[in-house]
Amino acid sequence: MSEALLLDGVEKVYNQGQPNEIKVLRGVDLTVAPGEVVAMVAPSGAGKSTLLHIAGLLDTPDGGRVVIGGNDLTGKGDRARTAARRSEIGFVYQFHHLLPEFTAVENIVLPQLAAGVARGAAQTRALELLDTVGIKPRADHRPGELSGGEQQRVAFCRALANGPGLLLADEPTGNLDPGTSDQVFEALMTLARATGLSALIATHNLELAARMDRTVRLDAGVLV
């Protein structure tokens, strides 16, 4: 089975060729196996968000390869990258970015409708995901009526709505108190194990990182 994610010699340079050139990534190599949950820890400004954006096809590397589910997407056009993002990759950020005018279940249904899923099937999938993370009774509440932890659980469900093989998360519990952070992390791991999901999760929380399958550290532009 192909790796969920393969980064091969990924480089990123800002102000390329200029006197103040900044080499953010200096040949990053990383493999995330199917079903593996990998923690990425790094000091602030080390380039973890840049790395996640490149892995998620939101940015392009200046060198190296990005392979998602065995499909080499290096240098592919916008259409191919957009299609891969829609079907192969889920994103979760520190802030949930839910649409405030829609209910929890509607926030999870919408990306499925955009992918061509029938409304009934999308509704069923959304409710199943909410049930997995323990907040199905809150399905008809809008984000403003949910706690921070509940909002982030909805964001996880939305990210997985279209059944991606890879989840990329940037400090997904970073704005939550320790107790809520632990509950949300458990919900994420439950989803990952239930769906066979692979994940690369950037976090400052070393305790949470230790509970994942493996931890890598981004230091001076390389992974160790």
Protein backbone atom coordinates (compact mmCIF):
# COMPACT_ATOMS: atom_id res chain seq x y z
CA MET A 1 0.00 0.00 0.00
CA SER A 2 1.28 3.47 -0.91
CA GLU A 3 2.33 5.95 1.74
CA ALA A 4 -0.41 8.37 2.72
CA LEU A 5 2.17 11.16 2.45
CA LEU A 6 5.69 11.25 1.07
CA LEU A 7 7.82 14.39 1.19
CA ASP A 8 11.11 13.91 -0.62
CA GLY A 9 13.78 16.60 -0.32
CA VAL A 10 11.23 19.41 0.04
CA GLU A 11 12.75 22.90 -0.01
CA LYS A 12 11.18 26.32 0.41
CA VAL A 13 12.99 29.61 -0.05
CA TYR A 14 11.60 33.11 0.40
CA ASN A 15 13.12 36.06 -1.47
CA GLN A 16 14.86 33.55 -3.68
CA GLY A 17 18.09 34.91 -5.17
CA GLN A 18 17.93 38.09 -3.09
CA PRO A 19 20.51 39.17 -0.49
CA ASN A 20 17.98 38.55 2.31
CA GLU A 21 17.05 35.06 1.05
CA ILE A 22 15.49 32.88 3.75
CA LYS A 23 15.69 29.09 3.46
CA VAL A 24 12.72 27.91 5.50
CA LEU A 25 12.82 24.23 4.50
CA ARG A 26 16.15 22.64 3.60
CA GLY A 27 15.41 19.24 2.14
CA VAL A 28 12.63 17.78 4.29
CA ASP A 29 12.10 14.03 4.04
CA LEU A 30 9.01 12.49 5.63
CA THR A 31 6.86 9.42 5.15
CA VAL A 32 3.48 8.95 6.83
CA ALA A 33 2.22 5.38 6.53
CA PRO A 34 -1.44 4.43 6.07
CA GLY A 35 -3.22 4.65 9.42
CA GLU A 36 -0.26 6.36 11.12
CA VAL A 37 -0.69 9.48 13.28
CA VAL A 38 2.50 11.54 13.38
CA ALA A 39 3.18 14.50 15.66
CA MET A 40 5.35 17.35 14.38
CA VAL A 41 6.86 19.63 17.01
CA ALA A 42 8.81 22.77 16.25
CA PRO A 43 9.65 26.13 17.78
CA SER A 44 7.67 29.12 16.57
CA GLY A 45 8.88 30.37 13.20
CA ALA A 46 10.53 27.07 12.29
CA GLY A 47 8.35 26.60 9.20
CA LYS A 48 5.81 24.00 10.36
CA SER A 49 2.87 25.90 8.86
CA THR A 50 4.81 26.25 5.60
CA LEU A 51 5.49 22.52 5.61
CA LEU A 52 1.82 21.71 6.25
CA HIS A 53 0.74 24.05 3.44
CA ILE A 54 3.13 22.33 1.04
CA ALA A 55 2.02 18.87 2.18
CA GLY A 56 -1.59 19.98 1.71
CA LEU A 57 -0.94 21.37 -1.79
CA LEU A 58 -1.79 24.92 -0.68
CA ASP A 59 1.76 26.03 -1.50
CA THR A 60 4.42 24.73 -3.88
CA PRO A 61 7.96 23.70 -2.92
CA ASP A 62 11.02 25.20 -4.55
CA GLY A 63 12.58 21.74 -4.63
CA GLY A 64 11.69 18.14 -3.91
CA ARG A 65 8.55 16.05 -4.35
CA VAL A 66 5.11 15.83 -2.72
CA VAL A 67 3.36 12.47 -3.13
CA ILE A 68 -0.16 11.92 -1.75
CA GLY A 69 -1.51 8.36 -1.65
CA GLY A 70 1.04 7.26 -4.24
CA ASN A 71 0.16 10.12 -6.62
CA ASP A 72 3.09 12.44 -7.33
CA LEU A 73 1.53 15.91 -7.40
CA THR A 74 4.77 17.86 -7.73
CA GLY A 75 4.35 20.55 -10.35
CA LYS A 76 0.78 19.54 -11.20
CA GLY A 77 -1.68 22.25 -12.23
CA ASP A 78 -4.34 23.92 -10.13
CA ARG A 79 -7.12 21.58 -11.28
CA ALA A 80 -5.27 18.41 -10.23
CA ARG A 81 -4.17 19.96 -6.94
CA THR A 82 -7.69 21.18 -6.14
CA ALA A 83 -9.15 17.75 -6.91
CA ALA A 84 -6.60 16.09 -4.62
CA ARG A 85 -7.28 18.57 -1.81
CA ARG A 86 -11.01 17.93 -2.10
CA SER A 87 -10.85 14.13 -2.07
CA GLU A 88 -7.55 13.12 -0.46
CA ILE A 89 -6.77 15.70 2.24
CA GLY A 90 -8.58 17.07 5.29
CA PHE A 91 -7.46 20.25 7.09
CA VAL A 92 -7.92 21.38 10.68
CA TYR A 93 -6.56 24.64 12.06
CA GLN A 94 -6.19 26.14 15.53
CA PHE A 95 -9.41 28.10 14.97
CA HIS A 96 -12.37 26.08 13.74
CA HIS A 97 -13.46 28.36 10.81
CA LEU A 98 -17.00 26.97 10.89
CA LEU A 99 -19.68 28.86 8.97
CA PRO A 100 -21.62 30.67 11.72
CA GLU A 101 -24.99 30.78 9.94
CA PHE A 102 -25.15 26.99 9.52
CA THR A 103 -25.70 24.27 12.12
CA ALA A 104 -23.05 21.74 13.09
CA VAL A 105 -24.50 19.07 10.83
CA GLU A 106 -24.90 21.54 7.93
CA ASN A 107 -21.22 22.53 8.23
CA ILE A 108 -20.34 18.87 7.66
CA VAL A 109 -22.90 18.34 4.89
CA LEU A 110 -21.78 21.30 2.76
CA PRO A 111 -18.34 20.00 1.66
CA GLN A 112 -19.98 16.71 0.70
CA LEU A 113 -22.55 18.48 -1.46
CA ALA A 114 -19.69 20.36 -3.15
CA ALA A 115 -18.14 16.97 -3.94
CA GLY A 116 -21.37 15.72 -5.53
CA VAL A 117 -22.71 13.58 -2.67
CA ALA A 118 -26.51 13.34 -2.44
CA ARG A 119 -27.99 15.35 0.44
CA GLY A 120 -29.48 12.35 2.22
CA ALA A 121 -26.21 10.43 2.16
CA ALA A 122 -24.30 13.55 3.24
CA GLN A 123 -26.66 14.03 6.19
CA THR A 124 -26.23 10.42 7.27
CA ARG A 125 -22.44 10.65 7.04
CA ALA A 126 -22.41 13.91 9.01
CA LEU A 127 -24.51 12.47 11.84
CA GLU A 128 -22.33 9.35 12.00
CA LEU A 129 -19.21 11.48 12.38
CA LEU A 130 -20.80 13.64 15.08
CA ASP A 131 -21.83 10.49 16.90
CA THR A 132 -18.25 9.17 16.74
CA VAL A 133 -16.94 12.27 18.54
CA GLY A 134 -19.80 12.25 21.04
CA ILE A 135 -21.72 15.39 20.08
CA LYS A 136 -24.56 14.09 17.89
CA PRO A 137 -27.13 15.70 20.25
CA ARG A 138 -25.62 19.08 19.31
CA ALA A 139 -26.08 18.51 15.57
CA ASP A 140 -28.70 21.25 15.13
CA HIS A 141 -26.81 23.91 17.09
CA ARG A 142 -24.97 26.73 15.35
CA PRO A 143 -21.28 27.29 16.16
CA GLY A 144 -22.08 30.21 18.46
CA GLU A 145 -24.16 27.86 20.60
CA LEU A 146 -21.31 25.34 20.99
CA SER A 147 -18.34 25.34 23.35
CA GLY A 148 -14.82 25.72 21.98
CA GLY A 149 -14.20 21.99 22.27
CA GLU A 150 -17.47 21.16 20.54
CA GLN A 151 -16.69 23.59 17.72
CA GLN A 152 -13.31 21.96 17.14
CA ARG A 153 -14.87 18.50 17.10
CA VAL A 154 -17.26 19.70 14.40
CA ALA A 155 -14.23 21.03 12.51
CA PHE A 156 -12.64 17.56 12.69
CA CYS A 157 -15.83 15.99 11.35
CA ARG A 158 -16.00 18.52 8.52
CA ALA A 159 -12.37 17.79 7.59
CA LEU A 160 -13.20 14.08 7.32
CA ALA A 161 -16.58 14.49 5.62
CA ASN A 162 -15.35 13.42 2.18
CA GLY A 163 -13.31 10.48 3.48
CA PRO A 164 -9.76 11.75 2.90
CA GLY A 165 -6.85 9.42 3.52
CA LEU A 166 -4.73 12.16 5.08
CA LEU A 167 -5.47 14.74 7.76
CA LEU A 168 -3.22 17.75 8.26
CA ALA A 169 -3.72 19.68 11.50
CA ASP A 170 -1.97 22.86 12.65
CA GLU A 171 -2.14 23.23 16.46
CA PRO A 172 -5.72 21.86 16.53
CA THR A 173 -5.98 22.13 20.32
CA GLY A 174 -3.82 25.23 20.71
CA ASN A 175 -6.61 27.61 21.80
CA LEU A 176 -8.28 25.21 24.26
CA ASP A 177 -7.78 24.75 28.00
CA PRO A 178 -5.90 21.57 29.04
CA GLY A 179 -9.00 19.57 29.96
CA THR A 180 -10.86 20.43 26.77
CA SER A 181 -7.69 19.92 24.74
CA ASP A 182 -7.43 16.37 26.06
CA GLN A 183 -11.08 15.62 25.21
CA VAL A 184 -10.73 17.03 21.69
CA PHE A 185 -7.51 15.08 21.11
CA GLU A 186 -9.23 11.86 22.19
CA ALA A 187 -12.04 12.63 19.74
CA LEU A 188 -9.49 13.12 16.96
CA MET A 189 -7.74 9.84 17.74
CA THR A 190 -11.10 8.04 17.88
CA LEU A 191 -11.94 9.35 14.41
CA ALA A 192 -8.51 8.39 13.08
CA ARG A 193 -8.68 4.84 14.43
CA ALA A 194 -12.30 4.38 13.31
CA THR A 195 -11.59 5.45 9.74
CA GLY A 196 -8.00 4.24 9.21
CA LEU A 197 -6.97 7.85 8.72
CA SER A 198 -3.35 8.97 8.44
CA ALA A 199 -2.48 12.28 10.07
CA LEU A 200 0.33 14.80 10.44
CA ILE A 201 -0.40 17.01 13.44
CA ALA A 202 1.67 20.04 14.39
CA THR A 203 1.55 20.72 18.12
CA HIS A 204 3.44 22.46 20.90
CA ASN A 205 1.91 20.04 23.41
CA LEU A 206 4.58 17.41 24.06
CA GLU A 207 2.20 15.35 26.20
CA LEU A 208 -0.23 15.00 23.30
CA ALA A 209 2.64 14.35 20.88
CA ALA A 210 3.80 11.44 23.03
CA ARG A 211 0.39 9.80 22.62
CA MET A 212 0.66 9.68 18.83
CA ASP A 213 2.39 6.91 16.91
CA ARG A 214 5.58 8.87 16.26
CA THR A 215 7.05 12.33 16.80
CA VAL A 216 9.26 14.26 14.40
CA ARG A 217 10.90 17.60 15.09
CA LEU A 218 11.34 20.39 12.58
CA ASP A 219 14.64 22.08 13.37
CA ALA A 220 16.67 24.45 11.20
CA GLY A 221 14.62 23.55 8.14
CA VAL A 222 14.97 19.75 8.36
CA LEU A 223 13.01 17.02 10.11
CA VAL A 224 14.76 14.98 12.78
